[in-house]
Every structure is written in C-alpha cells, then in structure tokens.
Amino acid sequence: MTKPREKTHEELTAEIEQNKKKIRQFENREKMLRQKLSKEERRTRSHRLIVRGAVFESIVPEAKSMTDEEAAAFLWLALTGTEAREYLKKRAEGGKSE
C-alpha cells in the first residue's frame, strides 16, 4: 500500500486561496439571496397594505376625504369598541370569525 503524496507548500497555499475564493462566492450568493428575500417581503407587505386600505375605503367611502390622522382616529374608535375586542379575543383563541 502506497502512502499518498503530501502536498507542497505552494499547492497548499493555492488550495487555501481557491477555498477563500469559494467562500467569498458563497457569501456573495448569500447576500444576493437575502436581498431578494427582503425585496419579496417588502412587496408582500406593500400588497397587503394596499389591499387593506382598499377594503377600508370600500367600507367607509368617507375615508377618501379624511386626513391620515382622521382615518387613524376613526379606526382607533371603531376597533376599540366592545364588538371589535370580542372579535379579536375569539380570533386569538382560535375561534371562527363571523
């Protein structure tokens, strides 16, 4: 049985450099994938906000002429009522919403 030949200093140095290059490539790939994920999360959030805003305006047509502060105050008043709290409590407990 023959013993495998040991690598020279130059070969080991070259292998180290090659592996460092691969590490940089994988780090860059990870960075690109994280940016892509972040972009997709922003797109999903933006879509959700637009849809919910449209639902709000369809239920409360007067919302179109409200300022942001007036709309926030209206929603706060509407959602802090007893019915809204009961709905949210049922939903948190896993009950069906009606």
Protein backbone atom coordinates (compact mmCIF):
# COMPACT_ATOMS: atom_id res chain seq x y z
CA MET A 1 0.00 0.00 0.00
CA THR A 2 1.44 3.33 -1.04
CA LYS A 3 1.29 6.38 1.10
CA PRO A 4 -0.41 9.39 -0.57
CA ARG A 5 1.99 12.11 -1.66
CA GLU A 6 1.99 15.11 0.66
CA LYS A 7 1.18 18.42 -0.95
CA THR A 8 3.83 21.05 -1.29
CA HIS A 9 3.65 24.43 0.42
CA GLU A 10 2.71 26.07 -2.88
CA GLU A 11 -0.07 23.56 -3.53
CA LEU A 12 -1.48 24.07 -0.05
CA THR A 13 -1.32 27.85 -0.43
CA ALA A 14 -3.09 27.62 -3.79
CA GLU A 15 -5.76 25.37 -2.27
CA ILE A 16 -6.30 27.85 0.57
CA GLU A 17 -6.69 30.71 -1.89
CA GLN A 18 -9.08 28.68 -4.00
CA ASN A 19 -11.19 27.88 -0.94
CA LYS A 20 -11.16 31.55 0.15
CA LYS A 21 -12.46 32.45 -3.30
CA LYS A 22 -15.26 29.88 -2.95
CA ILE A 23 -16.13 31.30 0.48
CA ARG A 24 -16.39 34.81 -0.99
CA GLN A 25 -18.61 33.48 -3.78
CA PHE A 26 -20.91 31.76 -1.28
CA GLU A 27 -21.01 34.90 0.89
CA ASN A 28 -21.95 36.99 -2.15
CA ARG A 29 -24.62 34.46 -3.11
CA GLU A 30 -26.00 34.57 0.44
CA LYS A 31 -26.07 38.39 0.31
CA MET A 32 -27.95 38.30 -3.00
CA LEU A 33 -30.48 35.77 -1.66
CA ARG A 34 -31.04 37.85 1.50
CA GLN A 35 -31.65 40.95 -0.63
CA LYS A 36 -34.08 39.00 -2.81
CA LEU A 37 -35.93 37.75 0.27
CA SER A 38 -36.08 41.25 1.72
CA LYS A 39 -37.43 42.62 -1.55
CA GLU A 40 -40.11 39.90 -1.66
CA GLU A 41 -41.09 40.60 1.96
CA ARG A 42 -41.42 44.34 1.17
CA ARG A 43 -43.51 43.55 -1.91
CA THR A 44 -45.79 41.26 0.10
CA ARG A 45 -46.20 43.87 2.84
CA SER A 46 -46.92 46.65 0.33
CA HIS A 47 -49.53 44.49 -1.38
CA ARG A 48 -51.18 43.67 1.96
CA LEU A 49 -51.29 47.36 2.96
CA ILE A 50 -52.78 48.39 -0.38
CA VAL A 51 -55.45 45.68 -0.25
CA ARG A 52 -56.40 46.52 3.34
CA GLY A 53 -56.52 50.22 2.56
CA ALA A 54 -58.81 49.50 -0.39
CA VAL A 55 -61.07 47.40 1.85
CA PHE A 56 -61.20 50.23 4.38
CA GLU A 57 -62.15 52.76 1.68
CA SER A 58 -64.78 50.43 0.24
CA ILE A 59 -66.41 50.03 3.68
CA VAL A 60 -66.01 53.69 4.66
CA PRO A 61 -66.32 55.78 1.48
CA GLU A 62 -65.81 58.96 3.56
CA ALA A 63 -62.26 57.75 4.24
CA LYS A 64 -61.22 59.08 0.83
CA SER A 65 -61.65 62.65 2.07
CA MET A 66 -60.15 62.04 5.54
CA THR A 67 -56.66 63.04 6.52
CA ASP A 68 -54.33 60.31 7.73
CA GLU A 69 -54.86 61.49 11.32
CA GLU A 70 -58.67 61.43 10.92
CA ALA A 71 -58.59 57.94 9.42
CA ALA A 72 -56.35 56.70 12.24
CA ALA A 73 -58.65 58.25 14.86
CA PHE A 74 -61.71 56.70 13.18
CA LEU A 75 -60.10 53.26 13.09
CA TRP A 76 -58.99 53.58 16.70
CA LEU A 77 -62.54 54.43 17.79
CA ALA A 78 -64.04 51.64 15.68
CA LEU A 79 -61.57 48.99 16.77
CA THR A 80 -61.52 49.72 20.49
CA GLY A 81 -65.25 49.05 20.82
CA THR A 82 -66.68 46.03 22.60
CA GLU A 83 -67.58 44.12 19.42
CA ALA A 84 -64.13 44.56 17.93
CA ARG A 85 -62.44 43.43 21.15
CA GLU A 86 -64.68 40.34 21.35
CA TYR A 87 -63.93 39.50 17.72
CA LEU A 88 -60.18 39.79 18.29
CA LYS A 89 -60.39 37.76 21.50
CA LYS A 90 -62.29 34.94 19.72
CA ARG A 91 -59.80 35.03 16.86
CA ALA A 92 -56.85 34.81 19.27
CA GLU A 93 -58.47 31.82 20.98
CA GLY A 94 -58.76 30.05 17.63
CA GLY A 95 -62.47 30.51 17.19
CA LYS A 96 -64.03 31.18 13.82
CA SER A 97 -64.70 34.81 12.92
CA GLU A 98 -68.20 35.72 11.88
